[in-house]
Amino acid sequence: MHRLPEAVQDSIESSQIPSPPEILLRLLRTVDDEQATMADLAGIVGKDPGLASRVLGVANSPALRRGRELKDIDTCLIALGTRLIRSLATCL
């Protein structure tokens, strides 16, 4: 599982860290690749603290939250699904 240390997560959530365009393009290409797995997506998201923070935030938003808080990137990506992941990457 790709999990951020709590202190790092708190620090990230307190500010907006821009995502490098090459990371977002790689994420979009991977989302569109039918052979890609959620682990592939988690590996990309886990390399960008700003993107990881936003994925955690969106997955735990009141609109999408399903009971318990999601704390790791893998679970958040599964909960969001590829369509929302693509939308999130496109909007950044």
PDB file of N, CA and C in Angstrom:
ATOM      1  N   MET A   1       0.837  -1.182   0.000  1.00  0.00           N
ATOM      2  CA  MET A   1       0.000   0.000   0.000  1.00  0.00           C
ATOM      3  C   MET A   1       0.881   1.244   0.000  1.00  0.00           C
ATOM      4  N   HIS A   2       0.449   2.258  -0.692  1.00  0.00           N
ATOM      5  CA  HIS A   2       1.143   3.540  -0.711  1.00  0.00           C
ATOM      6  C   HIS A   2       0.477   4.436   0.314  1.00  0.00           C
ATOM      7  N   ARG A   3       1.149   4.662   1.442  1.00  0.00           N
ATOM      8  CA  ARG A   3       0.584   5.481   2.507  1.00  0.00           C
ATOM      9  C   ARG A   3       1.575   6.582   2.858  1.00  0.00           C
ATOM     10  N   LEU A   4       1.064   7.792   2.953  1.00  0.00           N
ATOM     11  CA  LEU A   4       1.905   8.917   3.343  1.00  0.00           C
ATOM     12  C   LEU A   4       1.971   8.994   4.859  1.00  0.00           C
ATOM     13  N   PRO A   5       3.145   9.307   5.411  1.00  0.00           N
ATOM     14  CA  PRO A   5       3.225   9.528   6.855  1.00  0.00           C
ATOM     15  C   PRO A   5       2.272  10.653   7.258  1.00  0.00           C
ATOM     16  N   GLU A   6       1.676  10.533   8.435  1.00  0.00           N
ATOM     17  CA  GLU A   6       0.663  11.494   8.870  1.00  0.00           C
ATOM     18  C   GLU A   6       1.185  12.926   8.885  1.00  0.00           C
ATOM     19  N   ALA A   7       2.409  13.143   9.339  1.00  0.00           N
ATOM     20  CA  ALA A   7       2.971  14.499   9.388  1.00  0.00           C
ATOM     21  C   ALA A   7       3.100  15.089   7.985  1.00  0.00           C
ATOM     22  N   VAL A   8       3.499  14.267   7.028  1.00  0.00           N
ATOM     23  CA  VAL A   8       3.628  14.727   5.646  1.00  0.00           C
ATOM     24  C   VAL A   8       2.250  15.041   5.077  1.00  0.00           C
ATOM     25  N   GLN A   9       1.296  14.167   5.344  1.00  0.00           N
ATOM     26  CA  GLN A   9      -0.061  14.382   4.851  1.00  0.00           C
ATOM     27  C   GLN A   9      -0.646  15.675   5.408  1.00  0.00           C
ATOM     28  N   ASP A  10      -0.460  15.931   6.701  1.00  0.00           N
ATOM     29  CA  ASP A  10      -0.964  17.164   7.314  1.00  0.00           C
ATOM     30  C   ASP A  10      -0.316  18.393   6.683  1.00  0.00           C
ATOM     31  N   SER A  11       0.976  18.307   6.432  1.00  0.00           N
ATOM     32  CA  SER A  11       1.700  19.419   5.822  1.00  0.00           C
ATOM     33  C   SER A  11       1.197  19.698   4.410  1.00  0.00           C
ATOM     34  N   ILE A  12       0.978  18.647   3.661  1.00  0.00           N
ATOM     35  CA  ILE A  12       0.501  18.784   2.288  1.00  0.00           C
ATOM     36  C   ILE A  12      -0.896  19.378   2.260  1.00  0.00           C
ATOM     37  N   GLU A  13      -1.766  18.905   3.137  1.00  0.00           N
ATOM     38  CA  GLU A  13      -3.150  19.368   3.147  1.00  0.00           C
ATOM     39  C   GLU A  13      -3.266  20.837   3.522  1.00  0.00           C
ATOM     40  N   SER A  14      -2.259  21.364   4.190  1.00  0.00           N
ATOM     41  CA  SER A  14      -2.328  22.756   4.614  1.00  0.00           C
ATOM     42  C   SER A  14      -1.914  23.727   3.507  1.00  0.00           C
ATOM     43  N   SER A  15      -1.444  23.225   2.378  1.00  0.00           N
ATOM     44  CA  SER A  15      -1.045  24.104   1.280  1.00  0.00           C
ATOM     45  C   SER A  15      -1.346  23.439  -0.057  1.00  0.00           C
ATOM     46  N   GLN A  16      -1.360  24.238  -1.099  1.00  0.00           N
ATOM     47  CA  GLN A  16      -1.567  23.723  -2.448  1.00  0.00           C
ATOM     48  C   GLN A  16      -0.212  23.539  -3.119  1.00  0.00           C
ATOM     49  N   ILE A  17       0.108  22.326  -3.447  1.00  0.00           N
ATOM     50  CA  ILE A  17       1.355  22.016  -4.135  1.00  0.00           C
ATOM     51  C   ILE A  17       0.999  21.698  -5.586  1.00  0.00           C
ATOM     52  N   PRO A  18       1.508  22.466  -6.545  1.00  0.00           N
ATOM     53  CA  PRO A  18       1.159  22.193  -7.945  1.00  0.00           C
ATOM     54  C   PRO A  18       1.768  20.877  -8.425  1.00  0.00           C
ATOM     55  N   SER A  19       1.048  20.205  -9.290  1.00  0.00           N
ATOM     56  CA  SER A  19       1.530  18.949  -9.859  1.00  0.00           C
ATOM     57  C   SER A  19       2.294  19.229 -11.142  1.00  0.00           C
ATOM     58  N   PRO A  20       3.443  18.581 -11.315  1.00  0.00           N
ATOM     59  CA  PRO A  20       4.186  18.756 -12.567  1.00  0.00           C
ATOM     60  C   PRO A  20       3.353  18.238 -13.748  1.00  0.00           C
ATOM     61  N   PRO A  21       3.317  18.969 -14.848  1.00  0.00           N
ATOM     62  CA  PRO A  21       2.516  18.546 -16.009  1.00  0.00           C
ATOM     63  C   PRO A  21       2.877  17.149 -16.511  1.00  0.00           C
ATOM     64  N   GLU A  22       4.153  16.787 -16.439  1.00  0.00           N
ATOM     65  CA  GLU A  22       4.549  15.465 -16.936  1.00  0.00           C
ATOM     66  C   GLU A  22       3.939  14.338 -16.099  1.00  0.00           C
ATOM     67  N   ILE A  23       3.749  14.571 -14.808  1.00  0.00           N
ATOM     68  CA  ILE A  23       3.101  13.565 -13.953  1.00  0.00           C
ATOM     69  C   ILE A  23       1.634  13.426 -14.359  1.00  0.00           C
ATOM     70  N   LEU A  24       0.958  14.550 -14.575  1.00  0.00           N
ATOM     71  CA  LEU A  24      -0.453  14.513 -14.961  1.00  0.00           C
ATOM     72  C   LEU A  24      -0.635  13.845 -16.322  1.00  0.00           C
ATOM     73  N   LEU A  25       0.254  14.135 -17.269  1.00  0.00           N
ATOM     74  CA  LEU A  25       0.175  13.489 -18.587  1.00  0.00           C
ATOM     75  C   LEU A  25       0.405  11.987 -18.474  1.00  0.00           C
ATOM     76  N   ARG A  26       1.359  11.611 -17.654  1.00  0.00           N
ATOM     77  CA  ARG A  26       1.629  10.181 -17.444  1.00  0.00           C
ATOM     78  C   ARG A  26       0.420   9.497 -16.810  1.00  0.00           C
ATOM     79  N   LEU A  27      -0.210  10.172 -15.857  1.00  0.00           N
ATOM     80  CA  LEU A  27      -1.404   9.625 -15.219  1.00  0.00           C
ATOM     81  C   LEU A  27      -2.532   9.462 -16.243  1.00  0.00           C
ATOM     82  N   LEU A  28      -2.740  10.470 -17.076  1.00  0.00           N
ATOM     83  CA  LEU A  28      -3.787  10.387 -18.103  1.00  0.00           C
ATOM     84  C   LEU A  28      -3.516   9.252 -19.093  1.00  0.00           C
ATOM     85  N   ARG A  29      -2.269   9.105 -19.512  1.00  0.00           N
ATOM     86  CA  ARG A  29      -1.921   8.011 -20.428  1.00  0.00           C
ATOM     87  C   ARG A  29      -2.170   6.653 -19.778  1.00  0.00           C
ATOM     88  N   THR A  30      -1.828   6.554 -18.505  1.00  0.00           N
ATOM     89  CA  THR A  30      -1.991   5.288 -17.793  1.00  0.00           C
ATOM     90  C   THR A  30      -3.464   4.970 -17.574  1.00  0.00           C
ATOM     91  N   VAL A  31      -4.268   5.975 -17.251  1.00  0.00           N
ATOM     92  CA  VAL A  31      -5.711   5.761 -17.075  1.00  0.00           C
ATOM     93  C   VAL A  31      -6.323   5.229 -18.373  1.00  0.00           C
ATOM     94  N   ASP A  32      -5.854   5.724 -19.512  1.00  0.00           N
ATOM     95  CA  ASP A  32      -6.396   5.302 -20.806  1.00  0.00           C
ATOM     96  C   ASP A  32      -5.834   3.969 -21.298  1.00  0.00           C
ATOM     97  N   ASP A  33      -4.809   3.459 -20.645  1.00  0.00           N
ATOM     98  CA  ASP A  33      -4.195   2.187 -21.023  1.00  0.00           C
ATOM     99  C   ASP A  33      -5.007   1.039 -20.418  1.00  0.00           C
ATOM    100  N   GLU A  34      -5.615   0.228 -21.263  1.00  0.00           N
ATOM    101  CA  GLU A  34      -6.451  -0.876 -20.785  1.00  0.00           C
ATOM    102  C   GLU A  34      -5.658  -1.932 -20.025  1.00  0.00           C
ATOM    103  N   GLN A  35      -4.357  -1.980 -20.218  1.00  0.00           N
ATOM    104  CA  GLN A  35      -3.514  -2.960 -19.536  1.00  0.00           C
ATOM    105  C   GLN A  35      -3.038  -2.471 -18.165  1.00  0.00           C
ATOM    106  N   ALA A  36      -3.237  -1.193 -17.880  1.00  0.00           N
ATOM    107  CA  ALA A  36      -2.759  -0.609 -16.619  1.00  0.00           C
ATOM    108  C   ALA A  36      -3.622  -1.079 -15.450  1.00  0.00           C
ATOM    109  N   THR A  37      -2.991  -1.159 -14.295  1.00  0.00           N
ATOM    110  CA  THR A  37      -3.686  -1.570 -13.075  1.00  0.00           C
ATOM    111  C   THR A  37      -3.798  -0.383 -12.121  1.00  0.00           C
ATOM    112  N   MET A  38      -4.603  -0.547 -11.085  1.00  0.00           N
ATOM    113  CA  MET A  38      -4.701   0.492 -10.059  1.00  0.00           C
ATOM    114  C   MET A  38      -3.349   0.668  -9.364  1.00  0.00           C
ATOM    115  N   ALA A  39      -2.575  -0.394  -9.271  1.00  0.00           N
ATOM    116  CA  ALA A  39      -1.236  -0.283  -8.678  1.00  0.00           C
ATOM    117  C   ALA A  39      -0.347   0.623  -9.531  1.00  0.00           C
ATOM    118  N   ASP A  40      -0.495   0.551 -10.851  1.00  0.00           N
ATOM    119  CA  ASP A  40       0.254   1.447 -11.744  1.00  0.00           C
ATOM    120  C   ASP A  40      -0.131   2.899 -11.475  1.00  0.00           C
ATOM    121  N   LEU A  41      -1.432   3.146 -11.351  1.00  0.00           N
ATOM    122  CA  LEU A  41      -1.912   4.504 -11.071  1.00  0.00           C
ATOM    123  C   LEU A  41      -1.429   4.977  -9.705  1.00  0.00           C
ATOM    124  N   ALA A  42      -1.488   4.101  -8.713  1.00  0.00           N
ATOM    125  CA  ALA A  42      -1.040   4.461  -7.363  1.00  0.00           C
ATOM    126  C   ALA A  42       0.443   4.805  -7.357  1.00  0.00           C
ATOM    127  N   GLY A  43       1.230   4.105  -8.155  1.00  0.00           N
ATOM    128  CA  GLY A  43       2.652   4.406  -8.246  1.00  0.00           C
ATOM    129  C   GLY A  43       2.910   5.803  -8.783  1.00  0.00           C
ATOM    130  N   ILE A  44       2.107   6.221  -9.748  1.00  0.00           N
ATOM    131  CA  ILE A  44       2.251   7.567 -10.316  1.00  0.00           C
ATOM    132  C   ILE A  44       1.792   8.612  -9.307  1.00  0.00           C
ATOM    133  N   VAL A  45       0.610   8.418  -8.748  1.00  0.00           N
ATOM    134  CA  VAL A  45       0.060   9.381  -7.785  1.00  0.00           C
ATOM    135  C   VAL A  45       0.967   9.500  -6.569  1.00  0.00           C
ATOM    136  N   GLY A  46       1.516   8.393  -6.119  1.00  0.00           N
ATOM    137  CA  GLY A  46       2.376   8.388  -4.934  1.00  0.00           C
ATOM    138  C   GLY A  46       3.668   9.161  -5.099  1.00  0.00           C
ATOM    139  N   LYS A  47       4.061   9.437  -6.340  1.00  0.00           N
ATOM    140  CA  LYS A  47       5.296  10.193  -6.590  1.00  0.00           C
ATOM    141  C   LYS A  47       5.090  11.701  -6.551  1.00  0.00           C
ATOM    142  N   ASP A  48       3.838  12.141  -6.483  1.00  0.00           N
ATOM    143  CA  ASP A  48       3.525  13.571  -6.489  1.00  0.00           C
ATOM    144  C   ASP A  48       2.716  13.917  -5.238  1.00  0.00           C
ATOM    145  N   PRO A  49       3.347  14.536  -4.241  1.00  0.00           N
ATOM    146  CA  PRO A  49       2.646  14.840  -2.987  1.00  0.00           C
ATOM    147  C   PRO A  49       1.389  15.688  -3.174  1.00  0.00           C
ATOM    148  N   GLY A  50       1.425  16.645  -4.082  1.00  0.00           N
ATOM    149  CA  GLY A  50       0.254  17.489  -4.315  1.00  0.00           C
ATOM    150  C   GLY A  50      -0.908  16.698  -4.885  1.00  0.00           C
ATOM    151  N   LEU A  51      -0.620  15.860  -5.861  1.00  0.00           N
ATOM    152  CA  LEU A  51      -1.648  15.027  -6.478  1.00  0.00           C
ATOM    153  C   LEU A  51      -2.186  14.014  -5.469  1.00  0.00           C
ATOM    154  N   ALA A  52      -1.291  13.415  -4.697  1.00  0.00           N
ATOM    155  CA  ALA A  52      -1.718  12.453  -3.673  1.00  0.00           C
ATOM    156  C   ALA A  52      -2.656  13.111  -2.668  1.00  0.00           C
ATOM    157  N   SER A  53      -2.331  14.320  -2.273  1.00  0.00           N
ATOM    158  CA  SER A  53      -3.171  15.053  -1.332  1.00  0.00           C
ATOM    159  C   SER A  53      -4.554  15.311  -1.916  1.00  0.00           C
ATOM    160  N   ARG A  54      -4.594  15.699  -3.177  1.00  0.00           N
ATOM    161  CA  ARG A  54      -5.887  15.980  -3.804  1.00  0.00           C
ATOM    162  C   ARG A  54      -6.711  14.706  -3.982  1.00  0.00           C
ATOM    163  N   VAL A  55      -6.068  13.606  -4.330  1.00  0.00           N
ATOM    164  CA  VAL A  55      -6.782  12.329  -4.461  1.00  0.00           C
ATOM    165  C   VAL A  55      -7.381  11.931  -3.111  1.00  0.00           C
ATOM    166  N   LEU A  56      -6.584  12.045  -2.054  1.00  0.00           N
ATOM    167  CA  LEU A  56      -7.094  11.727  -0.715  1.00  0.00           C
ATOM    168  C   LEU A  56      -8.247  12.650  -0.342  1.00  0.00           C
ATOM    169  N   GLY A  57      -8.114  13.928  -0.661  1.00  0.00           N
ATOM    170  CA  GLY A  57      -9.159  14.895  -0.331  1.00  0.00           C
ATOM    171  C   GLY A  57     -10.458  14.635  -1.069  1.00  0.00           C
ATOM    172  N   VAL A  58     -10.362  14.349  -2.359  1.00  0.00           N
ATOM    173  CA  VAL A  58     -11.568  14.093  -3.155  1.00  0.00           C
ATOM    174  C   VAL A  58     -12.237  12.793  -2.710  1.00  0.00           C
ATOM    175  N   ALA A  59     -11.448  11.754  -2.509  1.00  0.00           N
ATOM    176  CA  ALA A  59     -12.016  10.466  -2.100  1.00  0.00           C
ATOM    177  C   ALA A  59     -12.698  10.551  -0.736  1.00  0.00           C
ATOM    178  N   ASN A  60     -12.225  11.451   0.117  1.00  0.00           N
ATOM    179  CA  ASN A  60     -12.804  11.601   1.451  1.00  0.00           C
ATOM    180  C   ASN A  60     -13.775  12.776   1.554  1.00  0.00           C
ATOM    181  N   SER A  61     -14.120  13.375   0.426  1.00  0.00           N
ATOM    182  CA  SER A  61     -15.065  14.496   0.453  1.00  0.00           C
ATOM    183  C   SER A  61     -16.451  13.989   0.853  1.00  0.00           C
ATOM    184  N   PRO A  62     -17.268  14.854   1.434  1.00  0.00           N
ATOM    185  CA  PRO A  62     -18.613  14.435   1.845  1.00  0.00           C
ATOM    186  C   PRO A  62     -19.439  13.841   0.695  1.00  0.00           C
ATOM    187  N   ALA A  63     -19.218  14.307  -0.517  1.00  0.00           N
ATOM    188  CA  ALA A  63     -19.987  13.809  -1.660  1.00  0.00           C
ATOM    189  C   ALA A  63     -19.646  12.362  -2.015  1.00  0.00           C
ATOM    190  N   LEU A  64     -18.422  11.948  -1.743  1.00  0.00           N
ATOM    191  CA  LEU A  64     -17.980  10.612  -2.157  1.00  0.00           C
ATOM    192  C   LEU A  64     -17.694   9.658  -1.003  1.00  0.00           C
ATOM    193  N   ARG A  65     -17.573  10.169   0.181  1.00  0.00           N
ATOM    194  CA  ARG A  65     -17.186   9.345   1.328  1.00  0.00           C
ATOM    195  C   ARG A  65     -18.245   8.293   1.606  1.00  0.00           C
ATOM    196  N   ARG A  66     -17.788   7.089   1.856  1.00  0.00           N
ATOM    197  CA  ARG A  66     -18.702   5.966   2.080  1.00  0.00           C
ATOM    198  C   ARG A  66     -18.523   5.385   3.478  1.00  0.00           C
ATOM    199  N   GLY A  67     -18.674   6.214   4.467  1.00  0.00           N
ATOM    200  CA  GLY A  67     -18.586   5.720   5.840  1.00  0.00           C
ATOM    201  C   GLY A  67     -17.264   6.030   6.497  1.00  0.00           C
ATOM    202  N   ARG A  68     -16.274   5.209   6.252  1.00  0.00           N
ATOM    203  CA  ARG A  68     -14.991   5.381   6.939  1.00  0.00           C
ATOM    204  C   ARG A  68     -14.026   6.223   6.105  1.00  0.00           C
ATOM    205  N   GLU A  69     -13.075   6.833   6.810  1.00  0.00           N
ATOM    206  CA  GLU A  69     -12.068   7.646   6.134  1.00  0.00           C
ATOM    207  C   GLU A  69     -11.099   6.747   5.375  1.00  0.00           C
ATOM    208  N   LEU A  70     -10.803   7.114   4.148  1.00  0.00           N
ATOM    209  CA  LEU A  70      -9.829   6.385   3.335  1.00  0.00           C
ATOM    210  C   LEU A  70      -8.473   7.034   3.547  1.00  0.00           C
ATOM    211  N   LYS A  71      -7.470   6.217   3.910  1.00  0.00           N
ATOM    212  CA  LYS A  71      -6.177   6.780   4.291  1.00  0.00           C
ATOM    213  C   LYS A  71      -5.033   6.413   3.364  1.00  0.00           C
ATOM    214  N   ASP A  72      -5.261   5.520   2.411  1.00  0.00           N
ATOM    215  CA  ASP A  72      -4.163   5.176   1.509  1.00  0.00           C
ATOM    216  C   ASP A  72      -4.580   5.410   0.060  1.00  0.00           C
ATOM    217  N   ILE A  73      -3.603   5.671  -0.749  1.00  0.00           N
ATOM    218  CA  ILE A  73      -3.838   6.041  -2.139  1.00  0.00           C
ATOM    219  C   ILE A  73      -4.523   4.920  -2.908  1.00  0.00           C
ATOM    220  N   ASP A  74      -4.102   3.691  -2.691  1.00  0.00           N
ATOM    221  CA  ASP A  74      -4.687   2.555  -3.412  1.00  0.00           C
ATOM    222  C   ASP A  74      -6.201   2.502  -3.221  1.00  0.00           C
ATOM    223  N   THR A  75      -6.641   2.568  -1.974  1.00  0.00           N
ATOM    224  CA  THR A  75      -8.067   2.500  -1.661  1.00  0.00           C
ATOM    225  C   THR A  75      -8.814   3.699  -2.231  1.00  0.00           C
ATOM    226  N   CYS A  76      -8.197   4.869  -2.160  1.00  0.00           N
ATOM    227  CA  CYS A  76      -8.822   6.076  -2.718  1.00  0.00           C
ATOM    228  C   CYS A  76      -9.020   5.943  -4.222  1.00  0.00           C
ATOM    229  N   LEU A  77      -8.022   5.449  -4.921  1.00  0.00           N
ATOM    230  CA  LEU A  77      -8.125   5.304  -6.373  1.00  0.00           C
ATOM    231  C   LEU A  77      -9.206   4.299  -6.752  1.00  0.00           C
ATOM    232  N   ILE A  78      -9.295   3.213  -6.011  1.00  0.00           N
ATOM    233  CA  ILE A  78     -10.339   2.221  -6.271  1.00  0.00           C
ATOM    234  C   ILE A  78     -11.714   2.843  -6.043  1.00  0.00           C
ATOM    235  N   ALA A  79     -11.845   3.613  -4.964  1.00  0.00           N
ATOM    236  CA  ALA A  79     -13.129   4.259  -4.656  1.00  0.00           C
ATOM    237  C   ALA A  79     -13.511   5.281  -5.722  1.00  0.00           C
ATOM    238  N   LEU A  80     -12.527   5.999  -6.258  1.00  0.00           N
ATOM    239  CA  LEU A  80     -12.810   7.022  -7.266  1.00  0.00           C
ATOM    240  C   LEU A  80     -13.140   6.421  -8.630  1.00  0.00           C
ATOM    241  N   GLY A  81     -12.422   5.388  -9.014  1.00  0.00           N
ATOM    242  CA  GLY A  81     -12.616   4.800 -10.337  1.00  0.00           C
ATOM    243  C   GLY A  81     -11.887   5.597 -11.409  1.00  0.00           C
ATOM    244  N   THR A  82     -11.679   4.982 -12.547  1.00  0.00           N
ATOM    245  CA  THR A  82     -10.863   5.606 -13.590  1.00  0.00           C
ATOM    246  C   THR A  82     -11.495   6.863 -14.178  1.00  0.00           C
ATOM    247  N   ARG A  83     -12.812   6.911 -14.269  1.00  0.00           N
ATOM    248  CA  ARG A  83     -13.460   8.093 -14.845  1.00  0.00           C
ATOM    249  C   ARG A  83     -13.198   9.333 -13.990  1.00  0.00           C
ATOM    250  N   LEU A  84     -13.340   9.202 -12.667  1.00  0.00           N
ATOM    251  CA  LEU A  84     -13.081  10.344 -11.784  1.00  0.00           C
ATOM    252  C   LEU A  84     -11.594  10.670 -11.701  1.00  0.00           C
ATOM    253  N   ILE A  85     -10.745   9.650 -11.768  1.00  0.00           N
ATOM    254  CA  ILE A  85      -9.300   9.894 -11.761  1.00  0.00           C
ATOM    255  C   ILE A  85      -8.920  10.716 -12.992  1.00  0.00           C
ATOM    256  N   ARG A  86      -9.463  10.347 -14.140  1.00  0.00           N
ATOM    257  CA  ARG A  86      -9.196  11.088 -15.381  1.00  0.00           C
ATOM    258  C   ARG A  86      -9.691  12.531 -15.253  1.00  0.00           C
ATOM    259  N   SER A  87     -10.885  12.709 -14.715  1.00  0.00           N
ATOM    260  CA  SER A  87     -11.433  14.062 -14.531  1.00  0.00           C
ATOM    261  C   SER A  87     -10.567  14.887 -13.593  1.00  0.00           C
ATOM    262  N   LEU A  88     -10.122  14.285 -12.514  1.00  0.00           N
ATOM    263  CA  LEU A  88      -9.275  14.981 -11.550  1.00  0.00           C
ATOM    264  C   LEU A  88      -7.967  15.416 -12.204  1.00  0.00           C
ATOM    265  N   ALA A  89      -7.331  14.515 -12.938  1.00  0.00           N
ATOM    266  CA  ALA A  89      -6.065  14.844 -13.603  1.00  0.00           C
ATOM    267  C   ALA A  89      -6.263  15.921 -14.664  1.00  0.00           C
ATOM    268  N   THR A  90      -7.379  15.893 -15.354  1.00  0.00           N
ATOM    269  CA  THR A  90      -7.660  16.879 -16.392  1.00  0.00           C
ATOM    270  C   THR A  90      -7.888  18.266 -15.799  1.00  0.00           C
ATOM    271  N   CYS A  91      -8.504  18.322 -14.636  1.00  0.00           N
ATOM    272  CA  CYS A  91      -8.818  19.609 -13.995  1.00  0.00           C
ATOM    273  C   CYS A  91      -7.610  20.254 -13.331  1.00  0.00           C
ATOM    274  N   LEU A  92      -6.545  19.514 -13.125  1.00  0.00           N
ATOM    275  CA  LEU A  92      -5.379  20.069 -12.435  1.00  0.00           C
ATOM    276  C   LEU A  92      -4.497  20.703 -13.433  1.00  0.00           C
TER     277      LEU A  92
END
